[in-house]
């Protein structure tokens, strides 16, 4: 796709970009990175959001391989400095339900 600037971080794998993206006739600003699953609650969620904010706030990213739109969010691979964003979050790449619960505590 193209280069976008991260305007704000929503959670550990969702953020708002500028300019708006276009996909399948829709446009929007919310992006959810695929390839990792950040915790949704607890200390782990706060830590993931903070890490993403520190790493990415006001930085440019490449959005590639869009998978669709869910809840107004473009689901796609996100690359920062040529590296898949999921590689910055190795603890969240492969997991089972138990390990995610541990990360959320």
PDB file of N, CA and C in Angstrom:
ATOM      1  N   UNK A   1       0.840  -1.190   0.000  1.00  0.00           N
ATOM      2  CA  UNK A   1       0.000   0.000   0.000  1.00  0.00           C
ATOM      3  C   UNK A   1       0.878   1.244   0.000  1.00  0.00           C
ATOM      4  N   UNK A   2       0.746   2.059   1.009  1.00  0.00           N
ATOM      5  CA  UNK A   2       1.443   3.337   1.021  1.00  0.00           C
ATOM      6  C   UNK A   2       1.958   3.639   2.424  1.00  0.00           C
ATOM      7  N   UNK A   3       2.580   4.797   2.543  1.00  0.00           N
ATOM      8  CA  UNK A   3       3.125   5.232   3.822  1.00  0.00           C
ATOM      9  C   UNK A   3       2.092   6.088   4.553  1.00  0.00           C
ATOM     10  N   UNK A   4       1.966   5.814   5.846  1.00  0.00           N
ATOM     11  CA  UNK A   4       1.021   6.536   6.699  1.00  0.00           C
ATOM     12  C   UNK A   4       1.733   6.949   7.979  1.00  0.00           C
ATOM     13  N   UNK A   5       1.262   8.015   8.593  1.00  0.00           N
ATOM     14  CA  UNK A   5       1.815   8.485   9.865  1.00  0.00           C
ATOM     15  C   UNK A   5       0.865   8.075  10.977  1.00  0.00           C
ATOM     16  N   UNK A   6       1.422   7.526  12.044  1.00  0.00           N
ATOM     17  CA  UNK A   6       0.602   7.154  13.199  1.00  0.00           C
ATOM     18  C   UNK A   6       0.317   8.414  14.009  1.00  0.00           C
ATOM     19  N   UNK A   7      -0.964   8.742  14.093  1.00  0.00           N
ATOM     20  CA  UNK A   7      -1.405   9.943  14.802  1.00  0.00           C
ATOM     21  C   UNK A   7      -1.661   9.667  16.279  1.00  0.00           C
ATOM     22  N   UNK A   8      -2.273   8.522  16.580  1.00  0.00           N
ATOM     23  CA  UNK A   8      -2.543   8.169  17.974  1.00  0.00           C
ATOM     24  C   UNK A   8      -2.648   6.655  18.105  1.00  0.00           C
ATOM     25  N   UNK A   9      -2.309   6.177  19.282  1.00  0.00           N
ATOM     26  CA  UNK A   9      -2.364   4.746  19.580  1.00  0.00           C
ATOM     27  C   UNK A   9      -3.614   4.483  20.405  1.00  0.00           C
ATOM     28  N   UNK A  10      -4.396   3.485  19.987  1.00  0.00           N
ATOM     29  CA  UNK A  10      -5.638   3.135  20.670  1.00  0.00           C
ATOM     30  C   UNK A  10      -5.384   2.041  21.703  1.00  0.00           C
ATOM     31  N   UNK A  11      -4.656   1.003  21.287  1.00  0.00           N
ATOM     32  CA  UNK A  11      -4.267  -0.085  22.197  1.00  0.00           C
ATOM     33  C   UNK A  11      -3.000  -0.733  21.642  1.00  0.00           C
ATOM     34  N   UNK A  12      -2.666  -1.905  22.117  1.00  0.00           N
ATOM     35  CA  UNK A  12      -1.399  -2.537  21.760  1.00  0.00           C
ATOM     36  C   UNK A  12      -1.234  -2.958  20.317  1.00  0.00           C
ATOM     37  N   UNK A  13      -2.307  -2.971  19.532  1.00  0.00           N
ATOM     38  CA  UNK A  13      -2.152  -3.276  18.106  1.00  0.00           C
ATOM     39  C   UNK A  13      -3.106  -2.471  17.216  1.00  0.00           C
ATOM     40  N   UNK A  14      -3.701  -1.418  17.755  1.00  0.00           N
ATOM     41  CA  UNK A  14      -4.625  -0.588  16.980  1.00  0.00           C
ATOM     42  C   UNK A  14      -4.225   0.877  17.122  1.00  0.00           C
ATOM     43  N   UNK A  15      -4.262   1.588  15.995  1.00  0.00           N
ATOM     44  CA  UNK A  15      -3.866   2.990  16.010  1.00  0.00           C
ATOM     45  C   UNK A  15      -4.582   3.747  14.899  1.00  0.00           C
ATOM     46  N   UNK A  16      -4.479   5.068  14.969  1.00  0.00           N
ATOM     47  CA  UNK A  16      -5.087   5.954  13.980  1.00  0.00           C
ATOM     48  C   UNK A  16      -3.990   6.511  13.085  1.00  0.00           C
ATOM     49  N   UNK A  17      -4.247   6.517  11.771  1.00  0.00           N
ATOM     50  CA  UNK A  17      -3.251   6.988  10.816  1.00  0.00           C
ATOM     51  C   UNK A  17      -3.740   8.207  10.043  1.00  0.00           C
ATOM     52  N   UNK A  18      -2.784   8.874   9.432  1.00  0.00           N
ATOM     53  CA  UNK A  18      -3.058   9.980   8.529  1.00  0.00           C
ATOM     54  C   UNK A  18      -2.092   9.846   7.360  1.00  0.00           C
ATOM     55  N   UNK A  19      -2.534  10.054   6.147  1.00  0.00           N
ATOM     56  CA  UNK A  19      -3.896  10.314   5.700  1.00  0.00           C
ATOM     57  C   UNK A  19      -4.765   9.067   5.840  1.00  0.00           C
ATOM     58  N   UNK A  20      -6.067   9.200   5.631  1.00  0.00           N
ATOM     59  CA  UNK A  20      -6.942   8.027   5.704  1.00  0.00           C
ATOM     60  C   UNK A  20      -6.567   6.986   4.644  1.00  0.00           C
ATOM     61  N   UNK A  21      -6.750   5.716   4.983  1.00  0.00           N
ATOM     62  CA  UNK A  21      -6.518   4.628   4.025  1.00  0.00           C
ATOM     63  C   UNK A  21      -7.768   4.434   3.174  1.00  0.00           C
ATOM     64  N   UNK A  22      -7.593   3.769   2.046  1.00  0.00           N
ATOM     65  CA  UNK A  22      -8.708   3.385   1.175  1.00  0.00           C
ATOM     66  C   UNK A  22      -8.559   1.912   0.846  1.00  0.00           C
ATOM     67  N   UNK A  23      -9.656   1.154   1.004  1.00  0.00           N
ATOM     68  CA  UNK A  23      -9.635  -0.279   0.712  1.00  0.00           C
ATOM     69  C   UNK A  23     -11.043  -0.734   0.368  1.00  0.00           C
ATOM     70  N   UNK A  24     -11.186  -1.424  -0.734  1.00  0.00           N
ATOM     71  CA  UNK A  24     -12.487  -1.955  -1.173  1.00  0.00           C
ATOM     72  C   UNK A  24     -13.602  -0.910  -1.134  1.00  0.00           C
ATOM     73  N   UNK A  25     -13.293   0.287  -1.586  1.00  0.00           N
ATOM     74  CA  UNK A  25     -14.304   1.334  -1.646  1.00  0.00           C
ATOM     75  C   UNK A  25     -14.599   2.014  -0.324  1.00  0.00           C
ATOM     76  N   UNK A  26     -13.895   1.648   0.730  1.00  0.00           N
ATOM     77  CA  UNK A  26     -14.086   2.282   2.040  1.00  0.00           C
ATOM     78  C   UNK A  26     -12.837   3.070   2.409  1.00  0.00           C
ATOM     79  N   UNK A  27     -13.020   4.047   3.263  1.00  0.00           N
ATOM     80  CA  UNK A  27     -11.897   4.815   3.784  1.00  0.00           C
ATOM     81  C   UNK A  27     -12.007   4.876   5.300  1.00  0.00           C
ATOM     82  N   UNK A  28     -10.885   5.084   5.945  1.00  0.00           N
ATOM     83  CA  UNK A  28     -10.883   5.192   7.398  1.00  0.00           C
ATOM     84  C   UNK A  28      -9.511   5.553   7.904  1.00  0.00           C
ATOM     85  N   UNK A  29      -9.421   5.718   9.205  1.00  0.00           N
ATOM     86  CA  UNK A  29      -8.155   6.087   9.828  1.00  0.00           C
ATOM     87  C   UNK A  29      -7.658   5.046  10.817  1.00  0.00           C
ATOM     88  N   UNK A  30      -8.538   4.111  11.226  1.00  0.00           N
ATOM     89  CA  UNK A  30      -8.127   3.113  12.208  1.00  0.00           C
ATOM     90  C   UNK A  30      -7.491   1.907  11.529  1.00  0.00           C
ATOM     91  N   UNK A  31      -6.390   1.441  12.106  1.00  0.00           N
ATOM     92  CA  UNK A  31      -5.659   0.280  11.599  1.00  0.00           C
ATOM     93  C   UNK A  31      -5.418  -0.679  12.751  1.00  0.00           C
ATOM     94  N   UNK A  32      -5.634  -1.964  12.501  1.00  0.00           N
ATOM     95  CA  UNK A  32      -5.259  -2.998  13.464  1.00  0.00           C
ATOM     96  C   UNK A  32      -4.180  -3.853  12.824  1.00  0.00           C
ATOM     97  N   UNK A  33      -3.011  -3.867  13.447  1.00  0.00           N
ATOM     98  CA  UNK A  33      -1.902  -4.671  12.948  1.00  0.00           C
ATOM     99  C   UNK A  33      -2.215  -6.147  13.146  1.00  0.00           C
ATOM    100  N   UNK A  34      -1.945  -6.956  12.121  1.00  0.00           N
ATOM    101  CA  UNK A  34      -2.123  -8.399  12.251  1.00  0.00           C
ATOM    102  C   UNK A  34      -0.753  -9.047  12.419  1.00  0.00           C
ATOM    103  N   UNK A  35      -0.752 -10.275  12.907  1.00  0.00           N
ATOM    104  CA  UNK A  35       0.499 -10.993  13.114  1.00  0.00           C
ATOM    105  C   UNK A  35       0.853 -11.143  14.579  1.00  0.00           C
ATOM    106  N   UNK A  36       0.142 -10.430  15.424  1.00  0.00           N
ATOM    107  CA  UNK A  36       0.310 -10.587  16.869  1.00  0.00           C
ATOM    108  C   UNK A  36      -0.982 -10.169  17.551  1.00  0.00           C
ATOM    109  N   UNK A  37      -1.175 -10.653  18.758  1.00  0.00           N
ATOM    110  CA  UNK A  37      -2.392 -10.375  19.523  1.00  0.00           C
ATOM    111  C   UNK A  37      -1.988  -9.774  20.865  1.00  0.00           C
ATOM    112  N   UNK A  38      -2.114  -8.464  20.991  1.00  0.00           N
ATOM    113  CA  UNK A  38      -1.771  -7.792  22.243  1.00  0.00           C
ATOM    114  C   UNK A  38      -2.862  -8.051  23.276  1.00  0.00           C
ATOM    115  N   UNK A  39      -2.498  -8.095  24.558  1.00  0.00           N
ATOM    116  CA  UNK A  39      -3.505  -8.265  25.612  1.00  0.00           C
ATOM    117  C   UNK A  39      -4.545  -7.152  25.546  1.00  0.00           C
ATOM    118  N   UNK A  40      -5.778  -7.487  25.886  1.00  0.00           N
ATOM    119  CA  UNK A  40      -6.883  -6.527  25.819  1.00  0.00           C
ATOM    120  C   UNK A  40      -7.214  -5.896  27.166  1.00  0.00           C
ATOM    121  N   UNK A  41      -6.676  -6.457  28.258  1.00  0.00           N
ATOM    122  CA  UNK A  41      -6.985  -5.910  29.579  1.00  0.00           C
ATOM    123  C   UNK A  41      -5.815  -6.154  30.523  1.00  0.00           C
ATOM    124  N   UNK A  42      -5.864  -5.488  31.653  1.00  0.00           N
ATOM    125  CA  UNK A  42      -4.861  -5.682  32.687  1.00  0.00           C
ATOM    126  C   UNK A  42      -3.555  -4.952  32.399  1.00  0.00           C
ATOM    127  N   UNK A  43      -2.549  -5.279  33.201  1.00  0.00           N
ATOM    128  CA  UNK A  43      -1.240  -4.635  33.083  1.00  0.00           C
ATOM    129  C   UNK A  43      -0.594  -4.894  31.733  1.00  0.00           C
ATOM    130  N   UNK A  44      -0.817  -6.092  31.188  1.00  0.00           N
ATOM    131  CA  UNK A  44      -0.247  -6.425  29.884  1.00  0.00           C
ATOM    132  C   UNK A  44      -0.763  -5.516  28.784  1.00  0.00           C
ATOM    133  N   UNK A  45      -2.045  -5.172  28.849  1.00  0.00           N
ATOM    134  CA  UNK A  45      -2.635  -4.278  27.846  1.00  0.00           C
ATOM    135  C   UNK A  45      -2.031  -2.882  27.951  1.00  0.00           C
ATOM    136  N   UNK A  46      -1.857  -2.415  29.172  1.00  0.00           N
ATOM    137  CA  UNK A  46      -1.265  -1.093  29.390  1.00  0.00           C
ATOM    138  C   UNK A  46       0.171  -1.076  28.885  1.00  0.00           C
ATOM    139  N   UNK A  47       0.928  -2.124  29.197  1.00  0.00           N
ATOM    140  CA  UNK A  47       2.322  -2.205  28.761  1.00  0.00           C
ATOM    141  C   UNK A  47       2.430  -2.247  27.239  1.00  0.00           C
ATOM    142  N   UNK A  48       1.566  -3.018  26.585  1.00  0.00           N
ATOM    143  CA  UNK A  48       1.600  -3.118  25.121  1.00  0.00           C
ATOM    144  C   UNK A  48       1.259  -1.773  24.478  1.00  0.00           C
ATOM    145  N   UNK A  49       0.257  -1.092  25.016  1.00  0.00           N
ATOM    146  CA  UNK A  49      -0.120   0.218  24.481  1.00  0.00           C
ATOM    147  C   UNK A  49       1.012   1.227  24.658  1.00  0.00           C
ATOM    148  N   UNK A  50       1.644   1.215  25.835  1.00  0.00           N
ATOM    149  CA  UNK A  50       2.748   2.138  26.087  1.00  0.00           C
ATOM    150  C   UNK A  50       3.923   1.855  25.158  1.00  0.00           C
ATOM    151  N   UNK A  51       4.241   0.580  24.965  1.00  0.00           N
ATOM    152  CA  UNK A  51       5.352   0.220  24.086  1.00  0.00           C
ATOM    153  C   UNK A  51       5.076   0.684  22.661  1.00  0.00           C
ATOM    154  N   UNK A  52       3.854   0.449  22.178  1.00  0.00           N
ATOM    155  CA  UNK A  52       3.500   0.869  20.828  1.00  0.00           C
ATOM    156  C   UNK A  52       3.548   2.395  20.711  1.00  0.00           C
ATOM    157  N   UNK A  53       3.078   3.099  21.730  1.00  0.00           N
ATOM    158  CA  UNK A  53       3.109   4.570  21.708  1.00  0.00           C
ATOM    159  C   UNK A  53       4.538   5.092  21.637  1.00  0.00           C
ATOM    160  N   UNK A  54       5.403   4.549  22.469  1.00  0.00           N
ATOM    161  CA  UNK A  54       6.798   4.995  22.489  1.00  0.00           C
ATOM    162  C   UNK A  54       7.478   4.705  21.156  1.00  0.00           C
ATOM    163  N   UNK A  55       7.229   3.532  20.625  1.00  0.00           N
ATOM    164  CA  UNK A  55       7.864   3.100  19.382  1.00  0.00           C
ATOM    165  C   UNK A  55       7.326   3.845  18.162  1.00  0.00           C
ATOM    166  N   UNK A  56       6.015   4.075  18.114  1.00  0.00           N
ATOM    167  CA  UNK A  56       5.387   4.458  16.862  1.00  0.00           C
ATOM    168  C   UNK A  56       4.746   5.838  16.786  1.00  0.00           C
ATOM    169  N   UNK A  57       4.432   6.479  17.895  1.00  0.00           N
ATOM    170  CA  UNK A  57       3.713   7.756  17.853  1.00  0.00           C
ATOM    171  C   UNK A  57       4.415   8.738  16.918  1.00  0.00           C
ATOM    172  N   UNK A  58       3.659   9.286  15.970  1.00  0.00           N
ATOM    173  CA  UNK A  58       4.154  10.256  14.990  1.00  0.00           C
ATOM    174  C   UNK A  58       5.230   9.711  14.059  1.00  0.00           C
ATOM    175  N   UNK A  59       5.296   8.400  13.915  1.00  0.00           N
ATOM    176  CA  UNK A  59       6.246   7.769  12.994  1.00  0.00           C
ATOM    177  C   UNK A  59       5.500   7.320  11.743  1.00  0.00           C
ATOM    178  N   UNK A  60       6.253   7.121  10.671  1.00  0.00           N
ATOM    179  CA  UNK A  60       5.678   6.632   9.425  1.00  0.00           C
ATOM    180  C   UNK A  60       5.759   5.119   9.363  1.00  0.00           C
ATOM    181  N   UNK A  61       4.702   4.510   8.853  1.00  0.00           N
ATOM    182  CA  UNK A  61       4.642   3.054   8.695  1.00  0.00           C
ATOM    183  C   UNK A  61       4.121   2.729   7.299  1.00  0.00           C
ATOM    184  N   UNK A  62       4.410   1.511   6.865  1.00  0.00           N
ATOM    185  CA  UNK A  62       3.877   0.987   5.609  1.00  0.00           C
ATOM    186  C   UNK A  62       2.770   0.003   5.959  1.00  0.00           C
ATOM    187  N   UNK A  63       1.637   0.122   5.293  1.00  0.00           N
ATOM    188  CA  UNK A  63       0.532  -0.818   5.473  1.00  0.00           C
ATOM    189  C   UNK A  63       0.519  -1.744   4.265  1.00  0.00           C
ATOM    190  N   UNK A  64       0.556  -3.065   4.526  1.00  0.00           N
ATOM    191  CA  UNK A  64       0.615  -4.039   3.439  1.00  0.00           C
ATOM    192  C   UNK A  64      -0.321  -5.209   3.703  1.00  0.00           C
ATOM    193  N   UNK A  65      -0.637  -5.941   2.660  1.00  0.00           N
ATOM    194  CA  UNK A  65      -1.440  -7.171   2.712  1.00  0.00           C
ATOM    195  C   UNK A  65      -2.733  -6.999   3.504  1.00  0.00           C
ATOM    196  N   UNK A  66      -3.576  -6.040   3.119  1.00  0.00           N
ATOM    197  CA  UNK A  66      -4.834  -5.866   3.854  1.00  0.00           C
ATOM    198  C   UNK A  66      -5.691  -7.126   3.807  1.00  0.00           C
ATOM    199  N   UNK A  67      -6.275  -7.472   4.953  1.00  0.00           N
ATOM    200  CA  UNK A  67      -7.096  -8.674   5.079  1.00  0.00           C
ATOM    201  C   UNK A  67      -8.584  -8.363   5.101  1.00  0.00           C
ATOM    202  N   UNK A  68      -8.925  -7.096   5.262  1.00  0.00           N
ATOM    203  CA  UNK A  68     -10.326  -6.710   5.326  1.00  0.00           C
ATOM    204  C   UNK A  68     -10.521  -5.595   6.334  1.00  0.00           C
ATOM    205  N   UNK A  69     -11.784  -5.293   6.568  1.00  0.00           N
ATOM    206  CA  UNK A  69     -12.151  -4.236   7.504  1.00  0.00           C
ATOM    207  C   UNK A  69     -13.059  -4.845   8.557  1.00  0.00           C
ATOM    208  N   UNK A  70     -12.745  -4.577   9.809  1.00  0.00           N
ATOM    209  CA  UNK A  70     -13.532  -5.107  10.922  1.00  0.00           C
ATOM    210  C   UNK A  70     -13.746  -3.990  11.934  1.00  0.00           C
ATOM    211  N   UNK A  71     -14.988  -3.672  12.201  1.00  0.00           N
ATOM    212  CA  UNK A  71     -15.286  -2.619  13.169  1.00  0.00           C
ATOM    213  C   UNK A  71     -14.686  -1.280  12.801  1.00  0.00           C
ATOM    214  N   UNK A  72     -14.598  -1.000  11.499  1.00  0.00           N
ATOM    215  CA  UNK A  72     -14.026   0.259  11.046  1.00  0.00           C
ATOM    216  C   UNK A  72     -12.513   0.285  11.014  1.00  0.00           C
ATOM    217  N   UNK A  73     -11.886  -0.842  11.363  1.00  0.00           N
ATOM    218  CA  UNK A  73     -10.425  -0.930  11.382  1.00  0.00           C
ATOM    219  C   UNK A  73      -9.943  -1.731  10.172  1.00  0.00           C
ATOM    220  N   UNK A  74      -8.925  -1.214   9.486  1.00  0.00           N
ATOM    221  CA  UNK A  74      -8.280  -1.957   8.421  1.00  0.00           C
ATOM    222  C   UNK A  74      -7.340  -2.966   9.062  1.00  0.00           C
ATOM    223  N   UNK A  75      -7.532  -4.251   8.778  1.00  0.00           N
ATOM    224  CA  UNK A  75      -6.673  -5.304   9.306  1.00  0.00           C
ATOM    225  C   UNK A  75      -5.581  -5.563   8.283  1.00  0.00           C
ATOM    226  N   UNK A  76      -4.328  -5.339   8.660  1.00  0.00           N
ATOM    227  CA  UNK A  76      -3.240  -5.502   7.705  1.00  0.00           C
ATOM    228  C   UNK A  76      -1.910  -5.683   8.424  1.00  0.00           C
ATOM    229  N   UNK A  77      -0.906  -6.069   7.635  1.00  0.00           N
ATOM    230  CA  UNK A  77       0.455  -6.118   8.155  1.00  0.00           C
ATOM    231  C   UNK A  77       0.976  -4.685   8.188  1.00  0.00           C
ATOM    232  N   UNK A  78       1.733  -4.381   9.229  1.00  0.00           N
ATOM    233  CA  UNK A  78       2.278  -3.039   9.399  1.00  0.00           C
ATOM    234  C   UNK A  78       3.794  -3.160   9.485  1.00  0.00           C
ATOM    235  N   UNK A  79       4.481  -2.333   8.720  1.00  0.00           N
ATOM    236  CA  UNK A  79       5.945  -2.354   8.709  1.00  0.00           C
ATOM    237  C   UNK A  79       6.488  -1.007   9.156  1.00  0.00           C
ATOM    238  N   UNK A  80       7.463  -1.068  10.071  1.00  0.00           N
ATOM    239  CA  UNK A  80       8.149   0.117  10.574  1.00  0.00           C
ATOM    240  C   UNK A  80       9.636  -0.074  10.313  1.00  0.00           C
ATOM    241  N   UNK A  81      10.224   0.825   9.542  1.00  0.00           N
ATOM    242  CA  UNK A  81      11.631   0.733   9.155  1.00  0.00           C
ATOM    243  C   UNK A  81      11.940  -0.627   8.523  1.00  0.00           C
ATOM    244  N   UNK A  82      10.994  -1.130   7.719  1.00  0.00           N
ATOM    245  CA  UNK A  82      11.184  -2.377   6.993  1.00  0.00           C
ATOM    246  C   UNK A  82      10.958  -3.642   7.797  1.00  0.00           C
ATOM    247  N   UNK A  83      10.573  -3.516   9.059  1.00  0.00           N
ATOM    248  CA  UNK A  83      10.368  -4.675   9.939  1.00  0.00           C
ATOM    249  C   UNK A  83       8.889  -4.777  10.289  1.00  0.00           C
ATOM    250  N   UNK A  84       8.352  -5.991  10.184  1.00  0.00           N
ATOM    251  CA  UNK A  84       6.951  -6.222  10.534  1.00  0.00           C
ATOM    252  C   UNK A  84       6.741  -5.847  11.996  1.00  0.00           C
ATOM    253  N   UNK A  85       5.712  -5.072  12.267  1.00  0.00           N
ATOM    254  CA  UNK A  85       5.428  -4.625  13.632  1.00  0.00           C
ATOM    255  C   UNK A  85       5.300  -5.800  14.598  1.00  0.00           C
ATOM    256  N   UNK A  86       4.801  -6.932  14.128  1.00  0.00           N
ATOM    257  CA  UNK A  86       4.670  -8.118  14.984  1.00  0.00           C
ATOM    258  C   UNK A  86       6.020  -8.552  15.546  1.00  0.00           C
ATOM    259  N   UNK A  87       7.104  -8.285  14.821  1.00  0.00           N
ATOM    260  CA  UNK A  87       8.435  -8.667  15.301  1.00  0.00           C
ATOM    261  C   UNK A  87       8.892  -7.821  16.482  1.00  0.00           C
ATOM    262  N   UNK A  88       8.269  -6.676  16.688  1.00  0.00           N
ATOM    263  CA  UNK A  88       8.571  -5.847  17.857  1.00  0.00           C
ATOM    264  C   UNK A  88       7.843  -6.359  19.105  1.00  0.00           C
ATOM    265  N   UNK A  89       6.893  -7.278  18.912  1.00  0.00           N
ATOM    266  CA  UNK A  89       6.091  -7.828  20.005  1.00  0.00           C
ATOM    267  C   UNK A  89       6.160  -9.352  19.994  1.00  0.00           C
ATOM    268  N   UNK A  90       7.350  -9.937  20.127  1.00  0.00           N
ATOM    269  CA  UNK A  90       7.475 -11.398  20.005  1.00  0.00           C
ATOM    270  C   UNK A  90       6.676 -12.175  21.045  1.00  0.00           C
ATOM    271  N   UNK A  91       6.466 -11.620  22.213  1.00  0.00           N
ATOM    272  CA  UNK A  91       5.711 -12.336  23.255  1.00  0.00           C
ATOM    273  C   UNK A  91       4.258 -12.537  22.857  1.00  0.00           C
ATOM    274  N   UNK A  92       3.769 -11.732  21.916  1.00  0.00           N
ATOM    275  CA  UNK A  92       2.365 -11.809  21.526  1.00  0.00           C
ATOM    276  C   UNK A  92       2.151 -12.527  20.198  1.00  0.00           C
ATOM    277  N   UNK A  93       3.242 -12.960  19.544  1.00  0.00           N
ATOM    278  CA  UNK A  93       3.111 -13.562  18.215  1.00  0.00           C
ATOM    279  C   UNK A  93       2.475 -14.936  18.244  1.00  0.00           C
ATOM    280  N   UNK A  94       2.977 -15.827  19.071  1.00  0.00           N
ATOM    281  CA  UNK A  94       2.419 -17.172  19.174  1.00  0.00           C
ATOM    282  C   UNK A  94       2.026 -17.379  20.614  1.00  0.00           C
ATOM    283  N   UNK A  95       0.780 -17.756  20.805  1.00  0.00           N
ATOM    284  CA  UNK A  95       0.290 -17.886  22.171  1.00  0.00           C
ATOM    285  C   UNK A  95      -0.865 -18.865  22.212  1.00  0.00           C
ATOM    286  N   UNK A  96      -1.178 -19.253  23.414  1.00  0.00           N
ATOM    287  CA  UNK A  96      -2.424 -19.970  23.644  1.00  0.00           C
ATOM    288  C   UNK A  96      -3.211 -19.120  24.635  1.00  0.00           C
ATOM    289  N   UNK A  97      -4.429 -19.508  24.932  1.00  0.00           N
ATOM    290  CA  UNK A  97      -5.263 -18.697  25.817  1.00  0.00           C
ATOM    291  C   UNK A  97      -4.628 -18.494  27.183  1.00  0.00           C
ATOM    292  N   UNK A  98      -3.932 -19.513  27.688  1.00  0.00           N
ATOM    293  CA  UNK A  98      -3.321 -19.415  29.010  1.00  0.00           C
ATOM    294  C   UNK A  98      -2.226 -18.351  29.031  1.00  0.00           C
ATOM    295  N   UNK A  99      -1.370 -18.310  28.000  1.00  0.00           N
ATOM    296  CA  UNK A  99      -0.286 -17.340  28.011  1.00  0.00           C
ATOM    297  C   UNK A  99      -0.814 -15.914  27.878  1.00  0.00           C
ATOM    298  N   UNK A 100      -1.882 -15.697  27.119  1.00  0.00           N
ATOM    299  CA  UNK A 100      -2.473 -14.362  27.021  1.00  0.00           C
ATOM    300  C   UNK A 100      -3.044 -13.952  28.369  1.00  0.00           C
ATOM    301  N   UNK A 101      -3.688 -14.880  29.076  1.00  0.00           N
ATOM    302  CA  UNK A 101      -4.219 -14.561  30.399  1.00  0.00           C
ATOM    303  C   UNK A 101      -3.094 -14.157  31.336  1.00  0.00           C
ATOM    304  N   UNK A 102      -1.943 -14.823  31.257  1.00  0.00           N
ATOM    305  CA  UNK A 102      -0.810 -14.466  32.101  1.00  0.00           C
ATOM    306  C   UNK A 102      -0.309 -13.065  31.763  1.00  0.00           C
ATOM    307  N   UNK A 103      -0.268 -12.711  30.483  1.00  0.00           N
ATOM    308  CA  UNK A 103       0.197 -11.393  30.071  1.00  0.00           C
ATOM    309  C   UNK A 103      -0.758 -10.292  30.502  1.00  0.00           C
ATOM    310  N   UNK A 104      -2.041 -10.608  30.621  1.00  0.00           N
ATOM    311  CA  UNK A 104      -3.031  -9.606  30.995  1.00  0.00           C
ATOM    312  C   UNK A 104      -3.007  -9.293  32.481  1.00  0.00           C
ATOM    313  N   UNK A 105      -2.406 -10.144  33.285  1.00  0.00           N
ATOM    314  CA  UNK A 105      -2.384  -9.921  34.735  1.00  0.00           C
ATOM    315  C   UNK A 105      -1.416  -8.831  35.121  1.00  0.00           C
TER     316      UNK A 105
END
